[in-house]
Amino acid sequence: MDKQDFNEGLLGFLDASPTPFHATRNMSMMLSNAGFIKLDEAKKWELEQGKKYYVLRNDSSVIAFTYAQAKNYTMIGAHTDSPNLKLKPNPVTKEHGVVKFGVEPYGGVLLNPWFDRDLSIAGRVSYLDSNDTIQDTLINVQKPIAIIPSLAIHLDDKANKERTVNMQTDISPILTTNDDFDFDDFIKWQLSKNEILDVKELYANELSFYDTQKASYVGLNDDFIASARLDNLLSCYVGLLSICSVQEETPMLFIASDHEEVGSESTSGAGGSFLENTLRRMYPDYDEYMQMIRTSILISADNAHAIHPNYPSKHDAKHAPYINKGSVIKVNANQRYASNSTTISRFMNVANSLEEPYQKFVTRSDMGCGSTIGPITATRLGIDTLDVGLPTFAMHSIRELCGSDDAYSLYKIILGFTR
């Protein structure tokens, strides 16, 4: 696979994955096509060496692994969720001549870029069928159905000086001027388009708005890739293609967890038991389990802040990553990242052997530092961990920007760990 094929697949994956549920479903399909066997957490596992497996939790997190004889696993961790606007349970408000939806910001969303965008909605819906059985399904409206219009500058003379956004009152998307709009009818219409007609009662939903603009190349020489949800579907795609590219006898595991953007503390988040449960079922003997843990490495892959050319003072000048200059090793003295000298050295050694570039990032000492699934997983499992990322502009915006060279480079480095 060359870089062009890699990036074309990435663009398609980004467009087809507006929510963690859709991303997980798409990854599941790709894993099945690559020969991975689906497991059910609620059933007994009969694993066979030399085969490949995957398992889901909450339809929003996935683990894929080869069941190899060797125990020195290369594990790649990422997360499926991204900051967005989630629909409230009772969303509909009809006032001032329009119908609008109430939303709740999910994660550290950068709100200003959400104005004046063509928005659609997608996610999971639960309903009762005629047999009184609760069913779950995914919907994706796809077409633009809503927008959050900006307040005209004539009515806000400070808009270009000190614009702030009230999360309760300012970001409600408007859908229609038709007062007859009924939310349940709208959802049932979406279900019918998926040929789901047996709906006795609608129960709950987890729906999110997203920008309908497609992922695309940007730049004179296609230097950049612009898209929603690069943080962190970019790393999901790198990890997914990595494990799909190795042979069954190569010890590798890929995990993409939900809820990283809100702290990872959930059944399907990195702070939950999903990965540990899976590893213990792979290695029910405790000594063998611990041998595997202590001979393996976890590469926590999450996006990194590239130095912004218009705001260079926001970076430590000696630790400021550049777009298209390679993967970023993320370091923090206070363990906000899990990298240490041992795991950093292993990454550097593999990258050097492949002549692939890499950079190092440390946040300014007078600024707060975010974190990743790396320290959480390292703490829970006791596995040696490295935090890496791909340089990105506009992280947590509705449309982010990365380099068109960097993800493919990280993919090659990860494969280098298996040689």
Protein backbone atom coordinates (compact mmCIF):
# COMPACT_ATOMS: atom_id res chain seq x y z
CA MET A 1 0.00 0.00 0.00
CA ASP A 2 1.41 3.40 -0.98
CA LYS A 3 0.65 6.77 0.60
CA GLN A 4 -1.96 7.70 -1.99
CA ASP A 5 -3.98 4.53 -1.38
CA PHE A 6 -3.60 4.99 2.37
CA ASN A 7 -4.91 8.56 2.31
CA GLU A 8 -7.77 7.83 -0.08
CA GLY A 9 -8.95 5.11 2.30
CA LEU A 10 -8.59 7.53 5.20
CA LEU A 11 -10.83 10.14 3.52
CA GLY A 12 -13.53 7.55 2.94
CA PHE A 13 -13.31 6.28 6.53
CA LEU A 14 -13.65 9.79 7.94
CA ASP A 15 -16.72 10.57 5.85
CA ALA A 16 -18.40 7.26 6.74
CA SER A 17 -17.83 7.64 10.51
CA PRO A 18 -19.82 10.59 11.88
CA THR A 19 -20.12 9.00 15.36
CA PRO A 20 -18.18 6.43 17.44
CA PHE A 21 -20.91 3.92 16.64
CA HIS A 22 -20.41 4.33 12.90
CA ALA A 23 -16.62 4.31 13.24
CA THR A 24 -16.76 1.06 15.20
CA ARG A 25 -19.15 -0.51 12.70
CA ASN A 26 -16.89 0.48 9.81
CA MET A 27 -13.81 -0.88 11.56
CA SER A 28 -15.69 -4.11 12.27
CA MET A 29 -16.51 -4.50 8.59
CA MET A 30 -12.88 -3.91 7.62
CA LEU A 31 -11.69 -6.43 10.22
CA SER A 32 -14.15 -9.05 8.98
CA ASN A 33 -12.98 -8.49 5.42
CA ALA A 34 -9.40 -9.01 6.63
CA GLY A 35 -10.26 -12.41 8.12
CA PHE A 36 -10.83 -11.47 11.76
CA ILE A 37 -13.42 -13.56 13.61
CA LYS A 38 -16.01 -11.74 15.71
CA LEU A 39 -16.28 -12.70 19.38
CA ASP A 40 -19.14 -12.09 21.80
CA GLU A 41 -18.19 -10.97 25.31
CA ALA A 42 -21.29 -12.69 26.71
CA LYS A 43 -20.29 -16.12 25.37
CA LYS A 44 -17.47 -18.54 26.08
CA TRP A 45 -14.39 -18.03 23.94
CA GLU A 46 -12.58 -20.90 22.23
CA LEU A 47 -9.48 -19.17 20.88
CA GLU A 48 -7.14 -20.93 18.47
CA GLN A 49 -3.52 -19.97 17.97
CA GLY A 50 -2.81 -18.59 14.53
CA LYS A 51 -6.20 -16.96 14.14
CA LYS A 52 -7.38 -13.34 14.34
CA TYR A 53 -10.29 -12.03 16.39
CA TYR A 54 -12.19 -8.88 17.27
CA VAL A 55 -14.74 -7.94 19.91
CA LEU A 56 -17.01 -4.93 20.51
CA ARG A 57 -18.33 -3.23 23.62
CA ASN A 58 -21.26 -0.79 23.58
CA ASP A 59 -21.04 -0.73 19.77
CA SER A 60 -18.58 2.14 20.21
CA SER A 61 -15.31 0.45 21.24
CA VAL A 62 -13.42 -2.33 19.49
CA ILE A 63 -10.47 -4.61 20.22
CA ALA A 64 -8.81 -6.65 17.49
CA PHE A 65 -5.95 -9.07 18.10
CA THR A 66 -3.94 -11.86 16.60
CA TYR A 67 -3.79 -14.93 18.84
CA ALA A 68 -0.11 -15.66 18.46
CA GLN A 69 2.25 -18.05 20.20
CA ALA A 70 4.68 -15.27 21.06
CA LYS A 71 3.74 -13.01 23.96
CA ASN A 72 5.60 -9.79 23.08
CA TYR A 73 2.59 -7.91 21.74
CA THR A 74 2.68 -4.58 19.98
CA MET A 75 -0.53 -2.85 21.07
CA ILE A 76 -1.92 0.28 19.47
CA GLY A 77 -4.47 2.34 21.38
CA ALA A 78 -6.71 5.12 20.06
CA HIS A 79 -10.17 6.51 20.75
CA THR A 80 -13.34 6.63 18.67
CA ASP A 81 -15.00 9.74 20.09
CA SER A 82 -14.60 13.39 19.15
CA PRO A 83 -16.00 16.63 20.63
CA ASN A 84 -19.42 17.42 19.21
CA LEU A 85 -22.93 18.64 19.98
CA LYS A 86 -25.14 15.88 21.38
CA LEU A 87 -28.91 15.96 21.26
CA LYS A 88 -30.70 16.35 24.60
CA PRO A 89 -33.38 13.77 25.52
CA ASN A 90 -36.25 16.22 25.03
CA PRO A 91 -34.71 18.32 22.28
CA VAL A 92 -37.51 20.15 20.50
CA THR A 93 -38.24 23.83 21.09
CA LYS A 94 -40.70 25.76 18.93
CA GLU A 95 -40.36 29.51 19.23
CA HIS A 96 -39.77 32.68 17.24
CA GLY A 97 -40.98 31.08 14.02
CA VAL A 98 -38.57 28.12 13.95
CA VAL A 99 -38.11 24.62 15.34
CA LYS A 100 -34.77 24.11 17.04
CA PHE A 101 -33.00 21.33 18.91
CA GLY A 102 -31.46 21.56 22.36
CA VAL A 103 -27.92 20.23 22.44
CA GLU A 104 -25.23 19.54 25.03
CA PRO A 105 -21.54 19.99 24.22
CA TYR A 106 -19.61 16.73 24.44
CA GLY A 107 -15.96 17.04 25.42
CA GLY A 108 -13.81 20.12 24.95
CA VAL A 109 -15.55 21.28 21.79
CA LEU A 110 -14.36 24.50 20.12
CA LEU A 111 -17.76 26.13 19.65
CA ASN A 112 -17.22 29.13 17.37
CA PRO A 113 -16.55 27.08 14.21
CA TRP A 114 -19.92 25.32 14.56
CA PHE A 115 -21.80 28.41 13.43
CA ASP A 116 -23.03 28.67 9.81
CA ARG A 117 -22.24 25.04 8.97
CA ASP A 118 -24.48 22.59 7.12
CA LEU A 119 -25.28 20.10 9.88
CA SER A 120 -26.69 16.60 9.86
CA ILE A 121 -27.32 14.14 12.67
CA ALA A 122 -26.34 10.53 13.34
CA GLY A 123 -26.05 8.01 16.15
CA ARG A 124 -27.79 5.11 17.88
CA VAL A 125 -31.53 4.70 18.47
CA SER A 126 -33.21 2.18 20.80
CA TYR A 127 -36.83 1.15 20.28
CA LEU A 128 -39.38 -1.52 21.18
CA ASP A 129 -40.64 -3.82 18.45
CA SER A 130 -43.97 -5.65 18.24
CA ASN A 131 -42.51 -8.63 20.12
CA ASP A 132 -41.73 -6.32 23.07
CA THR A 133 -38.02 -6.72 22.39
CA ILE A 134 -35.69 -3.76 22.71
CA GLN A 135 -33.70 -3.23 19.53
CA ASP A 136 -30.76 -0.94 18.76
CA THR A 137 -29.87 0.47 15.36
CA LEU A 138 -27.73 3.20 13.85
CA ILE A 139 -29.06 6.08 11.79
CA ASN A 140 -27.32 8.70 9.69
CA VAL A 141 -29.51 11.36 8.10
CA GLN A 142 -26.58 12.42 5.84
CA LYS A 143 -28.31 15.42 4.23
CA PRO A 144 -27.99 18.89 5.81
CA ILE A 145 -31.01 19.34 8.06
CA ALA A 146 -29.92 22.06 10.48
CA ILE A 147 -27.73 25.11 10.95
CA ILE A 148 -26.64 27.39 13.81
CA PRO A 149 -26.78 30.89 12.29
CA SER A 150 -24.41 33.53 13.57
CA LEU A 151 -25.75 36.74 15.01
CA ALA A 152 -25.19 39.48 12.41
CA ILE A 153 -22.35 41.86 13.15
CA HIS A 154 -24.85 44.74 12.99
CA LEU A 155 -26.41 43.30 16.17
CA ASP A 156 -23.12 42.51 17.89
CA ASP A 157 -20.51 45.22 17.43
CA LYS A 158 -18.03 43.26 19.59
CA ALA A 159 -18.20 40.11 17.50
CA ASN A 160 -14.66 40.51 16.14
CA LYS A 161 -13.22 41.53 19.50
CA GLU A 162 -14.57 39.38 22.30
CA ARG A 163 -17.05 36.88 20.97
CA THR A 164 -18.19 34.37 23.57
CA VAL A 165 -20.67 31.52 23.23
CA ASN A 166 -23.28 30.59 25.82
CA MET A 167 -23.60 26.81 25.72
CA GLN A 168 -27.25 26.85 26.76
CA THR A 169 -28.70 29.65 24.64
CA ASP A 170 -26.46 30.30 21.63
CA ILE A 171 -25.84 26.94 19.94
CA SER A 172 -29.28 25.46 19.29
CA PRO A 173 -29.44 24.25 15.66
CA ILE A 174 -32.57 25.32 13.76
CA LEU A 175 -34.33 22.75 11.57
CA THR A 176 -37.48 24.13 10.04
CA THR A 177 -40.19 26.77 10.10
CA ASN A 178 -42.88 24.05 10.12
CA ASP A 179 -44.67 24.06 13.50
CA ASP A 180 -46.08 20.59 12.77
CA PHE A 181 -42.65 18.99 13.21
CA ASP A 182 -42.79 15.89 15.43
CA PHE A 183 -39.54 14.39 16.73
CA ASP A 184 -40.81 10.80 16.99
CA ASP A 185 -42.13 10.93 13.44
CA PHE A 186 -38.76 12.25 12.29
CA ILE A 187 -36.91 9.33 13.93
CA LYS A 188 -39.38 6.76 12.61
CA TRP A 189 -38.91 8.21 9.13
CA GLN A 190 -35.17 7.70 9.45
CA LEU A 191 -35.70 4.14 10.66
CA SER A 192 -38.00 3.42 7.72
CA LYS A 193 -35.25 4.49 5.34
CA ASN A 194 -33.23 1.64 6.88
CA GLU A 195 -36.23 -0.66 6.26
CA ILE A 196 -37.07 -0.75 9.97
CA LEU A 197 -40.86 -0.57 10.13
CA ASP A 198 -41.64 -2.64 13.22
CA VAL A 199 -41.43 0.14 15.80
CA LYS A 200 -43.93 -0.14 18.65
CA GLU A 201 -42.35 2.59 20.77
CA LEU A 202 -39.27 4.76 20.60
CA TYR A 203 -37.14 4.66 23.73
CA ALA A 204 -33.76 6.38 24.00
CA ASN A 205 -31.19 7.73 21.58
CA GLU A 206 -27.60 8.91 21.44
CA LEU A 207 -27.53 11.31 18.51
CA SER A 208 -24.90 13.87 17.56
CA PHE A 209 -24.72 16.68 15.05
CA TYR A 210 -21.89 16.72 12.53
CA ASP A 211 -20.68 18.85 9.63
CA THR A 212 -21.69 17.45 6.24
CA GLN A 213 -18.63 18.88 4.46
CA LYS A 214 -16.52 15.97 3.20
CA ALA A 215 -12.94 15.25 4.16
CA SER A 216 -10.59 16.57 1.50
CA TYR A 217 -7.08 17.49 0.51
CA VAL A 218 -6.10 21.13 0.98
CA GLY A 219 -2.99 22.96 -0.20
CA LEU A 220 -1.13 23.73 -3.42
CA ASN A 221 0.38 20.26 -3.44
CA ASP A 222 -2.31 18.48 -1.38
CA ASP A 223 -0.14 19.24 1.65
CA PHE A 224 -2.97 18.86 4.13
CA ILE A 225 -6.02 16.77 4.92
CA ALA A 226 -8.99 18.69 6.32
CA SER A 227 -11.82 16.88 8.05
CA ALA A 228 -14.00 16.60 11.09
CA ARG A 229 -13.01 14.06 13.75
CA LEU A 230 -9.32 13.77 12.83
CA ASP A 231 -8.92 13.64 16.60
CA ASN A 232 -8.93 10.72 16.86
CA LEU A 233 -10.23 8.77 13.85
CA LEU A 234 -6.87 9.51 12.23
CA SER A 235 -5.15 7.27 14.80
CA CYS A 236 -7.97 4.70 14.63
CA TYR A 237 -7.34 4.33 10.91
CA VAL A 238 -3.57 4.01 11.39
CA GLY A 239 -4.02 1.33 14.05
CA LEU A 240 -6.69 -0.52 12.10
CA LEU A 241 -4.62 -0.71 8.92
CA SER A 242 -1.58 -1.75 10.93
CA ILE A 243 -3.23 -4.82 12.43
CA CYS A 244 -4.90 -5.67 9.12
CA SER A 245 -1.44 -5.66 7.50
CA VAL A 246 0.28 -8.27 9.72
CA GLN A 247 0.23 -12.05 9.57
CA GLU A 248 -1.69 -14.16 12.08
CA GLU A 249 1.50 -15.27 13.83
CA THR A 250 2.54 -11.67 14.54
CA PRO A 251 1.54 -10.67 18.09
CA MET A 252 -0.43 -7.45 17.69
CA LEU A 253 -3.48 -5.89 19.32
CA PHE A 254 -5.49 -2.79 18.40
CA ILE A 255 -7.94 -1.06 20.74
CA ALA A 256 -10.13 1.94 19.95
CA SER A 257 -12.02 3.10 23.04
CA ASP A 258 -14.93 5.47 23.44
CA HIS A 259 -15.25 8.42 25.86
CA GLU A 260 -11.63 9.62 25.90
CA GLU A 261 -12.79 13.18 25.38
CA VAL A 262 -14.72 13.11 28.66
CA GLY A 263 -12.21 11.26 30.84
CA SER A 264 -12.43 7.60 29.71
CA GLU A 265 -14.36 6.56 32.83
CA SER A 266 -17.02 4.27 31.37
CA THR A 267 -17.54 0.61 30.58
CA SER A 268 -16.29 1.22 27.05
CA GLY A 269 -13.62 3.79 27.92
CA ALA A 270 -9.94 3.21 28.57
CA GLY A 271 -10.58 3.59 32.30
CA GLY A 272 -12.97 0.63 32.14
CA SER A 273 -12.22 -3.07 32.07
CA PHE A 274 -12.58 -3.80 28.36
CA LEU A 275 -8.90 -4.29 27.50
CA GLU A 276 -8.00 -6.05 30.74
CA ASN A 277 -10.97 -8.40 30.42
CA THR A 278 -9.95 -9.28 26.87
CA LEU A 279 -6.30 -9.89 27.75
CA ARG A 280 -7.21 -12.09 30.72
CA ARG A 281 -9.38 -14.24 28.47
CA MET A 282 -6.50 -14.52 26.03
CA TYR A 283 -4.20 -15.53 28.89
CA PRO A 284 -6.24 -17.12 31.71
CA ASP A 285 -3.04 -18.33 33.42
CA TYR A 286 -1.88 -15.39 35.54
CA ASP A 287 1.85 -16.04 35.09
CA GLU A 288 1.44 -16.17 31.30
CA TYR A 289 -0.69 -13.03 31.45
CA MET A 290 2.01 -11.17 33.38
CA GLN A 291 4.74 -12.44 31.02
CA MET A 292 2.74 -11.01 28.13
CA ILE A 293 2.20 -7.68 29.91
CA ARG A 294 5.85 -7.26 30.80
CA THR A 295 7.17 -8.16 27.33
CA SER A 296 4.67 -6.03 25.39
CA ILE A 297 4.38 -2.34 24.57
CA LEU A 298 1.37 -0.08 24.13
CA ILE A 299 1.60 2.74 21.60
CA SER A 300 -1.04 5.27 22.59
CA ALA A 301 -1.77 7.20 19.40
CA ASP A 302 -3.56 10.54 19.72
CA ASN A 303 -3.20 13.80 17.84
CA ALA A 304 -0.53 16.34 18.79
CA HIS A 305 -0.63 20.14 18.61
CA ALA A 306 1.42 21.34 15.64
CA ILE A 307 2.97 24.76 16.05
CA HIS A 308 0.46 27.26 14.70
CA PRO A 309 2.19 29.72 12.35
CA ASN A 310 -0.04 32.57 13.52
CA TYR A 311 0.37 31.78 17.23
CA PRO A 312 3.93 30.45 17.63
CA SER A 313 4.19 31.73 21.20
CA LYS A 314 1.77 29.02 22.32
CA HIS A 315 4.58 26.46 21.96
CA ASP A 316 7.92 25.76 23.58
CA ALA A 317 10.18 26.73 20.70
CA LYS A 318 12.42 23.68 21.12
CA HIS A 319 9.51 21.22 21.26
CA ALA A 320 7.17 22.53 18.57
CA PRO A 321 6.06 19.89 16.03
CA TYR A 322 5.62 20.78 12.37
CA ILE A 323 3.06 19.45 9.92
CA ASN A 324 4.48 16.81 7.54
CA LYS A 325 7.69 16.45 9.53
CA GLY A 326 6.82 13.12 11.09
CA SER A 327 5.15 11.53 14.10
CA VAL A 328 5.34 13.28 17.46
CA ILE A 329 6.68 11.67 20.63
CA LYS A 330 4.72 13.25 23.50
CA VAL A 331 6.53 13.86 26.79
CA ASN A 332 5.33 15.26 30.10
CA ALA A 333 7.24 15.22 33.38
CA ASN A 334 4.01 14.95 35.38
CA GLN A 335 2.84 11.78 33.60
CA ARG A 336 0.09 13.38 31.56
CA TYR A 337 1.72 11.30 28.84
CA ALA A 338 3.08 7.83 29.60
CA SER A 339 6.26 8.02 27.49
CA ASN A 340 9.52 7.28 29.29
CA SER A 341 13.12 7.02 28.14
CA THR A 342 12.82 3.28 27.49
CA THR A 343 9.70 3.43 25.32
CA ILE A 344 10.87 6.59 23.57
CA SER A 345 14.14 4.89 22.68
CA ARG A 346 12.34 1.90 21.20
CA PHE A 347 10.26 4.18 18.98
CA MET A 348 13.31 6.18 17.90
CA ASN A 349 15.21 3.01 17.08
CA VAL A 350 12.44 1.63 14.87
CA ALA A 351 11.86 4.97 13.12
CA ASN A 352 15.59 5.41 12.46
CA SER A 353 15.87 1.93 11.02
CA LEU A 354 13.12 2.83 8.53
CA GLU A 355 14.44 6.35 7.93
CA GLU A 356 11.08 7.74 9.02
CA PRO A 357 11.06 11.19 10.69
CA TYR A 358 9.85 11.91 14.20
CA GLN A 359 9.57 14.93 16.49
CA LYS A 360 9.24 15.55 20.22
CA PHE A 361 6.55 17.59 21.93
CA VAL A 362 6.54 19.11 25.40
CA THR A 363 3.89 21.67 26.26
CA ARG A 364 4.95 25.06 27.60
CA SER A 365 5.72 24.87 31.30
CA ASP A 366 3.29 27.71 31.99
CA MET A 367 0.38 26.01 30.21
CA GLY A 368 -1.78 23.06 31.13
CA CYS A 369 -1.18 19.74 29.41
CA GLY A 370 -3.93 17.43 28.19
CA SER A 371 -3.75 13.70 28.57
CA THR A 372 -4.57 10.53 26.64
CA ILE A 373 -5.51 6.90 27.12
CA GLY A 374 -1.79 6.19 27.57
CA PRO A 375 -1.38 6.95 31.29
CA ILE A 376 -4.80 5.44 32.06
CA THR A 377 -3.99 2.14 30.37
CA ALA A 378 -0.44 2.03 31.72
CA THR A 379 -1.79 2.49 35.25
CA ARG A 380 -4.50 -0.14 34.87
CA LEU A 381 -2.36 -2.83 33.21
CA GLY A 382 1.22 -2.04 34.19
CA ILE A 383 2.28 -2.19 30.53
CA ASP A 384 5.18 -0.15 29.15
CA THR A 385 3.58 2.67 27.19
CA LEU A 386 4.53 5.34 24.69
CA ASP A 387 2.41 8.36 23.76
CA VAL A 388 2.72 9.45 20.15
CA GLY A 389 0.60 11.68 17.95
CA LEU A 390 0.17 13.17 14.51
CA PRO A 391 0.64 16.95 14.23
CA THR A 392 -2.66 18.76 13.88
CA PHE A 393 -4.03 22.29 13.58
CA ALA A 394 -7.41 23.37 15.03
CA MET A 395 -7.78 20.40 17.34
CA HIS A 396 -11.36 20.04 18.65
CA SER A 397 -12.72 22.32 15.94
CA ILE A 398 -15.56 21.14 13.73
CA ARG A 399 -12.92 20.86 10.98
CA GLU A 400 -9.33 19.98 11.82
CA LEU A 401 -6.18 19.92 9.70
CA CYS A 402 -3.32 17.42 9.50
CA GLY A 403 -0.50 16.69 7.07
CA SER A 404 -0.92 14.31 4.16
CA ASP A 405 2.45 12.63 4.89
CA ASP A 406 2.40 11.97 8.62
CA ALA A 407 -0.23 9.23 9.14
CA TYR A 408 1.30 6.96 6.52
CA SER A 409 4.70 7.45 8.13
CA LEU A 410 3.35 6.39 11.55
CA TYR A 411 1.72 3.35 9.94
CA LYS A 412 5.11 2.23 8.65
CA ILE A 413 6.75 2.77 12.03
CA ILE A 414 4.12 0.70 13.83
CA LEU A 415 4.64 -2.14 11.38
CA GLY A 416 8.36 -1.79 12.07
CA PHE A 417 7.73 -2.74 15.71
CA THR A 418 6.59 -6.19 14.56
CA ARG A 419 9.77 -7.09 12.67
